[in-house]
Amino acid sequence: MKKFIVLLFLGACTIACRQTETTNEEEKSMAVAPPSNMDSLRRQYIALRQASTNPMPLKQVLELGKLNPVDEGPIDTLFFLFRENLKNTIQQKNVFGLLDAVDENIKNGFGDNNGFAAFVTQWALDKPETAADSKLWQVLAEVLDLGGVFRDKQRTFWANYVAATWPPNYDGFEYGAIIGSGVRLRSAPNLQSKTIKSVSYDVVKILEQTEKEETIGGETFPWVKLALLDGKEGFVYGKFLSSPVGYRAGFERKASGKWQMVFLLAGD
């Protein structure tokens, strides 16, 4: 069934999808296409690791009232290369590359709207005129950029780290986590307002997502009103706040050794 859907999609948007592929040879050479032998894989892994900017710690530092970042992905060479390839695929908005990484029975939510066909429809990937503008590209990029942890003896990987390592003593629908260092808690929802305090990876209570949005550095996010655990209230730019019940993804190593995405969902 999955292959049938892909073939239908291929016939519908081959020309349109080709327009989204990069023509820059330098970018193509950076795409991760795993070689056939482990020595080459290892060299590729080392090169990508060395090229990483501000990598997350491989082990999470436990600290009261905080949720420090962690990314265990680099522990597994093949998973790390798979994820780098997926990131490249997302950046290029390569629909076929993405669908190849999606499991036949992917979980899309907590109802009965699951499976590959539902995934394609939910994210508007079934039509060339909607695929390029699908929200999926931004959602999945943000999920992967926030690291994660392995489970089930490294047979599965959960991203992002906020959802994957969320402490059970905080209600995930009421609380969230600051996902940056030195993030400014402000007195009003704008950059000109007074800084109340700088916070780093704090667990916070979410009070209100304001209607005030702001575009900074080409990215648009709303301002969010929140309370620190010490009671101080203020506003932070939404880019620096993550909810454990927001979008998160799970990946599973199949019997063949291939990694695939087995869920992408939000809520609880």
Protein backbone atom coordinates (compact mmCIF):
# COMPACT_ATOMS: atom_id res chain seq x y z
CA MET A 1 0.00 0.00 0.00
CA LYS A 2 2.81 2.39 0.90
CA LYS A 3 4.58 1.84 -2.42
CA PHE A 4 1.30 2.30 -4.30
CA ILE A 5 0.71 5.68 -2.67
CA VAL A 6 4.28 6.77 -3.40
CA LEU A 7 3.89 5.80 -7.07
CA LEU A 8 0.65 7.78 -7.34
CA PHE A 9 2.36 10.76 -5.75
CA LEU A 10 5.35 10.34 -8.04
CA GLY A 11 3.16 10.48 -11.12
CA ALA A 12 1.40 13.58 -9.84
CA CYS A 13 4.34 15.73 -8.86
CA THR A 14 7.58 14.51 -10.44
CA ILE A 15 8.07 17.79 -12.28
CA ALA A 16 7.03 19.97 -9.36
CA CYS A 17 9.16 18.08 -6.87
CA ARG A 18 12.22 18.33 -9.07
CA GLN A 19 11.94 22.08 -8.78
CA THR A 20 12.53 21.80 -5.04
CA GLU A 21 15.73 19.79 -5.39
CA THR A 22 18.95 21.69 -4.96
CA THR A 23 21.10 22.37 -8.01
CA ASN A 24 24.07 23.38 -5.94
CA GLU A 25 26.72 20.66 -6.32
CA GLU A 26 28.42 21.65 -3.07
CA GLU A 27 25.18 21.09 -1.15
CA LYS A 28 24.64 17.75 -2.86
CA SER A 29 28.07 16.57 -1.85
CA MET A 30 27.18 17.23 1.78
CA ALA A 31 24.08 15.01 1.68
CA VAL A 32 24.51 11.89 3.76
CA ALA A 33 24.37 8.80 1.55
CA PRO A 34 25.82 6.03 3.71
CA PRO A 35 28.66 4.15 1.94
CA SER A 36 28.75 0.38 1.94
CA ASN A 37 31.64 -0.22 4.32
CA MET A 38 32.07 0.67 7.96
CA ASP A 39 35.38 2.50 7.49
CA SER A 40 33.72 4.95 5.13
CA LEU A 41 30.76 5.27 7.46
CA ARG A 42 33.07 6.05 10.34
CA ARG A 43 34.95 8.69 8.36
CA GLN A 44 31.69 10.29 7.37
CA TYR A 45 30.50 10.22 10.96
CA ILE A 46 33.69 11.88 12.23
CA ALA A 47 33.52 14.58 9.56
CA LEU A 48 29.91 15.41 10.40
CA ARG A 49 30.60 15.43 14.13
CA GLN A 50 33.53 17.79 13.65
CA ALA A 51 31.38 20.07 11.50
CA SER A 52 28.65 20.24 14.15
CA THR A 53 28.20 23.64 15.77
CA ASN A 54 27.26 23.78 19.44
CA PRO A 55 26.47 20.06 19.82
CA MET A 56 24.36 19.07 22.82
CA PRO A 57 25.87 17.02 25.66
CA LEU A 58 25.67 13.25 25.28
CA LYS A 59 24.52 12.98 28.89
CA GLN A 60 21.90 15.07 30.62
CA VAL A 61 22.97 16.96 33.73
CA LEU A 62 20.30 16.53 36.38
CA GLU A 63 19.52 19.78 38.18
CA LEU A 64 16.56 20.65 40.37
CA GLY A 65 14.07 22.92 38.62
CA LYS A 66 15.82 22.63 35.25
CA LEU A 67 15.69 20.39 32.20
CA ASN A 68 19.16 20.50 30.71
CA PRO A 69 19.70 19.54 27.06
CA VAL A 70 20.87 16.10 25.93
CA ASP A 71 21.40 14.38 22.60
CA GLU A 72 22.37 10.72 22.66
CA GLY A 73 22.05 10.46 18.88
CA PRO A 74 25.80 10.48 18.18
CA ILE A 75 26.22 7.39 20.40
CA ASP A 76 24.95 5.25 17.50
CA THR A 77 26.84 5.85 14.24
CA LEU A 78 24.14 4.55 11.90
CA PHE A 79 21.36 6.44 13.64
CA PHE A 80 23.40 9.64 13.63
CA LEU A 81 24.00 9.33 9.87
CA PHE A 82 20.34 8.51 9.29
CA ARG A 83 19.29 11.62 11.22
CA GLU A 84 21.77 13.85 9.41
CA ASN A 85 20.42 12.55 6.12
CA LEU A 86 16.88 13.23 7.30
CA LYS A 87 17.80 16.78 8.32
CA ASN A 88 19.25 17.34 4.86
CA THR A 89 16.10 15.88 3.30
CA ILE A 90 13.94 18.25 5.34
CA GLN A 91 16.04 21.26 4.43
CA GLN A 92 15.63 20.44 0.74
CA LYS A 93 11.91 19.63 1.18
CA ASN A 94 12.56 16.32 -0.55
CA VAL A 95 9.22 14.53 -0.25
CA PHE A 96 10.43 11.17 -1.51
CA GLY A 97 13.45 11.13 0.74
CA LEU A 98 11.19 11.87 3.67
CA LEU A 99 8.61 9.22 2.81
CA ASP A 100 11.35 6.62 2.58
CA ALA A 101 12.10 7.31 6.25
CA VAL A 102 8.45 6.90 7.34
CA ASP A 103 7.23 3.57 8.73
CA GLU A 104 4.23 1.91 7.09
CA ASN A 105 2.30 2.00 10.37
CA ILE A 106 3.41 5.40 11.65
CA LYS A 107 1.41 6.77 14.56
CA ASN A 108 0.06 10.25 13.78
CA GLY A 109 -1.98 10.84 16.92
CA PHE A 110 -3.97 9.19 19.66
CA GLY A 111 -7.05 8.38 17.57
CA ASP A 112 -7.47 5.99 14.67
CA ASN A 113 -6.04 8.30 12.01
CA ASN A 114 -2.74 6.46 11.84
CA GLY A 115 -0.66 4.81 9.14
CA PHE A 116 1.30 5.95 6.11
CA ALA A 117 -1.65 7.11 3.98
CA ALA A 118 -3.00 9.24 6.83
CA PHE A 119 0.46 10.75 7.39
CA VAL A 120 0.69 11.81 3.74
CA THR A 121 -2.78 13.38 3.84
CA GLN A 122 -2.41 15.01 7.26
CA TRP A 123 0.72 16.87 6.23
CA ALA A 124 -0.58 17.77 2.74
CA LEU A 125 2.15 15.81 0.98
CA ASP A 126 -0.20 14.29 -1.59
CA LYS A 127 -0.27 17.32 -3.89
CA PRO A 128 2.71 19.18 -5.35
CA GLU A 129 1.02 22.55 -4.80
CA THR A 130 0.74 21.91 -1.05
CA ALA A 131 3.78 19.72 -0.30
CA ALA A 132 6.35 22.51 -0.54
CA ASP A 133 4.42 24.65 1.95
CA SER A 134 3.61 21.83 4.36
CA LYS A 135 4.07 22.69 8.04
CA LEU A 136 5.80 19.34 8.40
CA TRP A 137 9.17 20.70 7.31
CA GLN A 138 9.35 23.24 10.14
CA VAL A 139 7.79 20.92 12.73
CA LEU A 140 10.16 18.03 12.09
CA ALA A 141 13.21 20.29 11.78
CA GLU A 142 12.47 21.79 15.20
CA VAL A 143 11.94 18.34 16.73
CA LEU A 144 15.25 17.01 15.41
CA ASP A 145 17.19 20.12 16.40
CA LEU A 146 16.35 19.48 20.06
CA GLY A 147 18.20 16.19 20.41
CA GLY A 148 16.72 13.24 22.27
CA VAL A 149 17.51 9.94 23.94
CA PHE A 150 17.64 6.24 23.12
CA ARG A 151 15.28 3.71 24.66
CA ASP A 152 14.77 -0.06 24.50
CA LYS A 153 18.49 -0.86 24.52
CA GLN A 154 19.11 1.62 21.68
CA ARG A 155 16.46 0.09 19.43
CA THR A 156 14.38 3.28 19.54
CA PHE A 157 15.16 6.99 19.73
CA TRP A 158 12.79 9.66 21.06
CA ALA A 159 13.04 13.31 20.06
CA ASN A 160 12.95 16.01 21.29
CA TYR A 161 14.78 15.91 24.60
CA VAL A 162 12.11 17.97 26.41
CA ALA A 163 9.39 15.40 25.74
CA ALA A 164 11.74 12.43 26.05
CA THR A 165 13.15 13.38 29.46
CA TRP A 166 10.28 15.32 30.98
CA PRO A 167 10.12 14.94 34.81
CA PRO A 168 6.80 13.32 35.84
CA ASN A 169 6.29 15.64 38.82
CA TYR A 170 5.33 18.51 36.50
CA ASP A 171 2.06 18.48 34.55
CA GLY A 172 3.02 18.57 30.89
CA PHE A 173 -0.08 20.60 30.00
CA GLU A 174 0.75 23.34 32.51
CA TYR A 175 4.53 23.46 32.41
CA GLY A 176 7.23 23.78 29.79
CA ALA A 177 10.98 24.24 29.59
CA ILE A 178 13.23 27.07 28.48
CA ILE A 179 15.41 25.69 25.66
CA GLY A 180 18.29 28.10 25.74
CA SER A 181 20.96 29.65 27.92
CA GLY A 182 20.66 33.23 29.11
CA VAL A 183 17.10 33.65 27.81
CA ARG A 184 15.61 36.96 28.94
CA LEU A 185 12.41 37.01 30.96
CA ARG A 186 10.88 40.40 30.11
CA SER A 187 8.31 42.66 31.75
CA ALA A 188 6.27 42.97 28.52
CA PRO A 189 5.99 41.04 25.23
CA ASN A 190 8.54 43.03 23.23
CA LEU A 191 12.30 43.43 22.91
CA GLN A 192 12.24 46.96 24.30
CA SER A 193 10.83 45.95 27.69
CA LYS A 194 12.81 45.55 30.89
CA THR A 195 14.68 42.29 31.55
CA ILE A 196 13.43 40.79 34.80
CA LYS A 197 15.88 37.89 34.84
CA SER A 198 17.99 35.70 32.57
CA VAL A 199 17.10 32.02 32.69
CA SER A 200 18.69 28.86 31.33
CA TYR A 201 16.84 25.58 30.76
CA ASP A 202 14.39 26.33 33.58
CA VAL A 203 11.15 24.43 34.05
CA VAL A 204 8.41 27.11 33.94
CA LYS A 205 4.65 27.36 34.30
CA ILE A 206 2.96 28.50 31.09
CA LEU A 207 0.35 31.14 31.84
CA GLU A 208 -0.68 32.44 28.43
CA GLN A 209 0.36 32.45 24.80
CA THR A 210 -0.19 36.04 23.77
CA GLU A 211 -1.54 37.24 20.45
CA LYS A 212 1.62 39.31 20.05
CA GLU A 213 3.93 37.74 17.46
CA GLU A 214 7.30 39.06 16.43
CA THR A 215 9.68 38.25 13.61
CA ILE A 216 13.30 38.11 14.73
CA GLY A 217 16.08 36.92 12.46
CA GLY A 218 13.56 35.78 9.86
CA GLU A 219 11.66 33.61 12.36
CA THR A 220 8.20 34.41 13.69
CA PHE A 221 7.03 33.28 17.13
CA PRO A 222 4.48 34.50 19.68
CA TRP A 223 5.43 35.91 23.06
CA VAL A 224 4.48 33.68 25.97
CA LYS A 225 3.63 34.75 29.50
CA LEU A 226 5.02 32.39 32.14
CA ALA A 227 5.97 32.03 35.77
CA LEU A 228 9.27 30.78 37.12
CA LEU A 229 9.23 28.23 39.91
CA ASP A 230 10.13 31.02 42.35
CA GLY A 231 6.94 32.87 41.38
CA LYS A 232 8.43 35.60 39.18
CA GLU A 233 6.27 36.26 36.12
CA GLY A 234 7.21 37.66 32.74
CA PHE A 235 7.33 37.09 29.01
CA VAL A 236 9.70 35.11 26.81
CA TYR A 237 9.98 34.87 23.05
CA GLY A 238 8.26 31.62 22.00
CA LYS A 239 11.30 30.29 20.17
CA PHE A 240 12.94 29.61 23.53
CA LEU A 241 10.10 27.64 25.09
CA SER A 242 9.16 24.00 24.50
CA SER A 243 6.24 21.94 25.78
CA PRO A 244 6.53 18.21 26.57
CA VAL A 245 3.15 17.68 24.88
CA GLY A 246 4.16 19.53 21.73
CA TYR A 247 5.33 17.71 18.62
CA ARG A 248 7.76 14.86 19.19
CA ALA A 249 8.98 11.97 17.07
CA GLY A 250 10.06 8.39 17.58
CA PHE A 251 12.41 6.32 15.46
CA GLU A 252 12.93 2.56 15.44
CA ARG A 253 15.72 0.35 14.13
CA LYS A 254 14.12 -2.37 12.01
CA ALA A 255 15.33 -5.96 11.71
CA SER A 256 17.10 -4.97 8.49
CA GLY A 257 19.09 -2.37 10.43
CA LYS A 258 17.28 0.51 8.74
CA TRP A 259 15.95 3.32 10.91
CA GLN A 260 12.44 4.64 10.32
CA MET A 261 10.14 7.19 11.94
CA VAL A 262 7.37 5.35 13.79
CA PHE A 263 5.51 8.29 15.32
CA LEU A 264 5.16 12.04 14.94
CA LEU A 265 2.46 13.49 17.15
CA ALA A 266 1.43 16.10 19.67
CA GLY A 267 -0.85 16.02 22.71
CA ASP A 268 -1.28 13.24 25.23
